[in-house]
């Protein structure tokens, strides 16, 4: 089995304003990300991003007007920049209604301290810009406010645990150091799997080590993510460590997308859209937080008893629930938080399509 190594300091090529985004800023950033499908030069991409950022800074106002119509007897809505496509989910509260800048700062309080390795890279505006593309699909907009808050705690709890440099006696506590990294430290290999050479061939000189908010490893994972995000990540995996919006977008895509068609996404598991089969029940997999770890990381985290990697993710989730004012009692009993006894959805015999 090929396993990941730890993260490494970022290549900080561009620093964007961390002020609140206007509607035009969000739209411009979204356009830039989509434009990556046609841009092949990293330097050109950075210039375009800088231009969009400069233009965005002069924009004012945020249009969140809710528009409603019926399609085939079903109510659908839009909400300006944050929920731009007609969707039933856009009729609900959006992420910026209940999760704001100060809360993001609380959850990731130590990410910009001098000893962190991705200072200035991650910010709220990058997250909310990426999230806006998935809110019409139900990300953070499924159910009511409480479910939205819990999904933010769950998703960002995964993110924090995978990007943390916290430790037992770290200032602020070990759970305050999420988003400390944006790439793997001192990778021992290039993560090129030649068995995918026909569908996702490794690009000469490219290295597919872990990058992002839910780290991506291996050429086939970069290829699949790039297809979904309309960005040439197979030839330019470095885009993930150069742009926080794209890095968050890739992580949300992974959260929202099943690894295999017959399986649920982490999102569907968490919000209750997924109904376990008899085989799932026998494998001790249910619509719980524990099962989100199973579908994302498989046997690296689950089915091995009460191990530290699993407990670390659970601890971040509970900590974030507390910080968001929900309280960990709403997380459910321990057996719903754990995947210690679950059988993996995708047992690995080779490099897996898990993000671990």
Foldseek 3Di string as FASTA:
>chain_A
DDDAAAFAFFDAPDFADQDDFALQLLVLVLVLLLCQLVDDDPVVSVVSVVVSRVVRVVDDHHFQDWDWDDDPNHIWIAGRSLRHDTANLRVADGPCVQQHQVLVCQQQVCQQPPVFRHHRADGDSLQSSLNSVCSRVPQLRPDHNVLSLLSVLLLLLLLQLRAFPADQPDVVGRRNGGNSGFGGHPTPAQQEDCVCCVPQNAAPPHRFHFGASLTAGHRVLQSVLCVVSSHPCRNPVSVRSHHRSSRSNSSVCQQQDQPDPVDHHVVCLQSVVDQDDPVQVVLLHHSASQVNCQRQPNPVFAQQADDDSLVSSLVSSQVSCVSSVNHSVVRDDPSRSHRHRGHHPDDDPDDDSHSD
